[in-house]
């Protein structure tokens, strides 16, 4: 079963258009594009870990509608902008502040926030987080899975692990 990761979708939160300069004309276009991107990669039998800040602003009913429209078995790692409407939406399989799991034989530590150190760091464990909106310089084995870092669709662990190598190679190719 494929496992996907994402964070900081901020459905219904107009601040992301201004603060994060997301490339959408308005909030309706933003939300529709994220729903379309999610639905294009995630199948109903897939597992998705959303690392916080799912929605802020829409009614509890609208949050539940958005969540129900997204395919997959969905887990929420709580973010600082996740209110009662998000936390109590019935389509979450689990809601927690922290999780540890193994995907593709890699030990993962999941939290909305980036850590300086984490359980298993000395044994190769990887920290996946959101919150920083691609503004935090990562340390080794730490990855921002938010849409501002990885794009609008949930991403696989393999894509996350190669994302930094691709950015590093692109950066080196433009240096004199």
Protein backbone atom coordinates (compact mmCIF):
# COMPACT_ATOMS: atom_id res chain seq x y z
CA UNK A 1 0.00 0.00 0.00
CA UNK A 2 1.53 3.37 -0.97
CA UNK A 3 2.17 5.88 1.84
CA UNK A 4 2.09 9.62 1.17
CA UNK A 5 3.05 12.69 3.20
CA UNK A 6 1.97 16.32 3.12
CA UNK A 7 1.54 19.29 5.42
CA UNK A 8 0.37 22.87 5.59
CA UNK A 9 -2.46 22.69 3.08
CA UNK A 10 -4.19 25.51 4.97
CA UNK A 11 -7.54 24.94 3.27
CA UNK A 12 -9.71 28.04 3.65
CA UNK A 13 -6.83 30.16 5.00
CA UNK A 14 -6.41 33.30 2.90
CA UNK A 15 -3.13 34.18 4.63
CA UNK A 16 -1.25 31.56 2.59
CA UNK A 17 -1.93 33.45 -0.63
CA UNK A 18 -0.34 36.58 0.82
CA UNK A 19 2.30 35.31 3.24
CA UNK A 20 3.47 32.23 1.34
CA UNK A 21 2.81 33.73 -2.10
CA UNK A 22 1.10 30.60 -3.36
CA UNK A 23 0.39 30.91 -7.11
CA UNK A 24 -3.42 30.98 -7.05
CA UNK A 25 -5.73 33.84 -7.98
CA UNK A 26 -7.96 33.34 -4.95
CA UNK A 27 -8.70 31.00 -2.09
CA UNK A 28 -11.27 28.97 -4.03
CA UNK A 29 -8.68 28.29 -6.76
CA UNK A 30 -6.09 27.39 -4.09
CA UNK A 31 -8.35 24.89 -2.37
CA UNK A 32 -9.58 23.37 -5.64
CA UNK A 33 -6.01 22.97 -6.95
CA UNK A 34 -4.86 21.21 -3.78
CA UNK A 35 -7.85 18.86 -3.83
CA UNK A 36 -7.20 18.07 -7.51
CA UNK A 37 -3.47 17.49 -6.91
CA UNK A 38 -4.18 15.18 -3.94
CA UNK A 39 -6.79 13.23 -5.87
CA UNK A 40 -4.46 12.80 -8.85
CA UNK A 41 -1.88 10.81 -6.84
CA UNK A 42 -3.66 9.24 -3.86
CA UNK A 43 -5.86 6.19 -4.38
CA UNK A 44 -8.60 5.16 -1.92
CA UNK A 45 -6.49 2.31 -0.52
CA UNK A 46 -3.39 4.51 0.02
CA UNK A 47 -2.30 5.90 3.39
CA UNK A 48 -1.72 9.64 3.84
CA UNK A 49 0.00 11.31 6.77
CA UNK A 50 -0.91 15.01 6.97
CA UNK A 51 1.60 16.71 9.25
CA UNK A 52 -0.61 19.54 10.40
CA UNK A 53 -2.30 22.78 9.47
CA UNK A 54 -4.97 21.11 7.38
CA UNK A 55 -7.47 23.99 7.41
CA UNK A 56 -8.09 27.34 9.03
CA UNK A 57 -11.10 29.50 8.33
CA UNK A 58 -13.80 27.40 6.75
CA UNK A 59 -16.76 26.17 8.76
CA UNK A 60 -16.58 22.79 10.48
CA UNK A 61 -18.99 21.51 7.83
CA UNK A 62 -16.73 22.70 4.99
CA UNK A 63 -13.65 21.17 6.66
CA UNK A 64 -15.49 17.84 6.89
CA UNK A 65 -16.53 18.12 3.22
CA UNK A 66 -12.98 18.80 2.06
CA UNK A 67 -11.56 15.96 4.12
CA UNK A 68 -14.24 13.52 2.94
CA UNK A 69 -13.51 14.44 -0.70
CA UNK A 70 -9.84 13.46 -0.39
CA UNK A 71 -9.04 9.80 -1.13
CA UNK A 72 -6.96 7.62 1.15
CA UNK A 73 -6.75 6.51 4.73
CA UNK A 74 -5.89 9.81 6.38
CA UNK A 75 -3.87 10.42 9.55
CA UNK A 76 -3.43 13.86 11.11
CA UNK A 77 -0.39 14.98 13.05
CA UNK A 78 -1.78 18.09 14.75
CA UNK A 79 -0.46 21.50 13.71
CA UNK A 80 -0.72 24.85 15.45
CA UNK A 81 -3.56 25.99 13.14
CA UNK A 82 -5.72 22.87 13.46
CA UNK A 83 -8.84 23.84 15.36
CA UNK A 84 -11.74 21.76 16.65
CA UNK A 85 -13.35 21.45 13.19
CA UNK A 86 -10.22 19.76 11.87
CA UNK A 87 -9.44 17.74 14.98
CA UNK A 88 -12.94 16.30 15.28
CA UNK A 89 -13.62 15.64 11.58
CA UNK A 90 -14.77 12.05 11.23
CA UNK A 91 -12.65 11.09 8.21
CA UNK A 92 -9.35 10.99 10.12
CA UNK A 93 -8.22 7.45 10.92
CA UNK A 94 -6.00 8.85 13.65
CA UNK A 95 -5.21 12.22 15.22
CA UNK A 96 -2.04 12.68 17.27
CA UNK A 97 0.74 15.16 17.92
CA UNK A 98 3.57 12.77 17.11
CA UNK A 99 4.10 9.42 15.44
CA UNK A 100 6.89 6.99 14.68
CA UNK A 101 6.56 4.50 11.85
CA UNK A 102 8.57 2.54 9.35
CA UNK A 103 8.08 3.03 5.63
CA UNK A 104 10.23 1.34 2.99
CA UNK A 105 12.49 0.00 5.77
CA UNK A 106 13.17 3.58 6.96
CA UNK A 107 12.33 4.65 10.49
CA UNK A 108 10.39 7.92 10.50
CA UNK A 109 9.62 10.40 13.25
CA UNK A 110 6.63 12.60 12.34
CA UNK A 111 5.66 15.89 13.94
CA UNK A 112 4.27 19.19 12.70
CA UNK A 113 7.41 20.87 14.04
CA UNK A 114 11.01 20.29 13.02
CA UNK A 115 13.28 18.89 15.72
CA UNK A 116 16.94 19.57 16.45
CA UNK A 117 17.22 15.95 17.57
CA UNK A 118 14.78 13.04 17.64
CA UNK A 119 14.38 9.43 18.67
CA UNK A 120 16.68 7.24 16.60
CA UNK A 121 18.66 10.08 14.98
CA UNK A 122 21.92 8.24 15.69
CA UNK A 123 20.54 5.10 14.07
CA UNK A 124 19.38 6.71 10.84
CA UNK A 125 15.82 7.74 11.73
CA UNK A 126 14.38 10.53 9.57
CA UNK A 127 12.37 13.49 10.86
CA UNK A 128 9.48 14.56 8.61
CA UNK A 129 7.79 17.83 9.55
CA UNK A 130 5.78 20.77 8.29
CA UNK A 131 5.23 24.22 9.83
CA UNK A 132 8.24 26.01 8.34
CA UNK A 133 6.79 26.56 4.85
CA UNK A 134 10.17 25.77 3.24
CA UNK A 135 11.91 28.56 5.17
CA UNK A 136 13.95 26.45 7.58
CA UNK A 137 17.40 25.25 6.63
CA UNK A 138 17.23 21.47 7.18
CA UNK A 139 19.70 19.39 9.03
CA UNK A 140 20.70 15.92 7.80
CA UNK A 141 17.85 13.39 7.73
CA UNK A 142 15.23 16.10 8.25
CA UNK A 143 12.66 17.01 5.59
CA UNK A 144 9.84 19.54 5.31
CA UNK A 145 6.90 17.74 3.68
CA UNK A 146 4.71 20.85 3.42
CA UNK A 147 3.29 21.91 0.10
CA UNK A 148 5.52 24.99 -0.02
CA UNK A 149 8.53 22.64 0.02
CA UNK A 150 7.24 19.60 -1.90
CA UNK A 151 4.41 20.88 -4.11
CA UNK A 152 0.62 20.71 -3.92
CA UNK A 153 0.23 16.91 -3.98
CA UNK A 154 1.15 14.48 -1.20
CA UNK A 155 4.56 12.93 -1.86
CA UNK A 156 6.13 9.52 -1.31
CA UNK A 157 9.11 8.93 0.96
CA UNK A 158 11.26 8.20 -2.11
CA UNK A 159 10.36 11.60 -3.60
CA UNK A 160 11.05 13.33 -0.29
CA UNK A 161 14.47 11.72 0.04
CA UNK A 162 15.47 12.72 -3.50
CA UNK A 163 14.03 16.26 -3.26
CA UNK A 164 17.07 17.67 -1.48
CA UNK A 165 19.49 15.94 -3.87
CA UNK A 166 17.63 17.46 -6.83
CA UNK A 167 17.75 20.97 -5.30
CA UNK A 168 21.45 20.56 -4.48
CA UNK A 169 22.23 19.39 -8.03
CA UNK A 170 20.22 22.27 -9.54
CA UNK A 171 22.03 24.75 -7.30
CA UNK A 172 25.46 23.38 -8.25
CA UNK A 173 24.61 23.52 -11.97
CA UNK A 174 24.04 27.29 -11.81
CA UNK A 175 27.15 28.13 -9.79
CA UNK A 176 30.05 29.64 -11.73
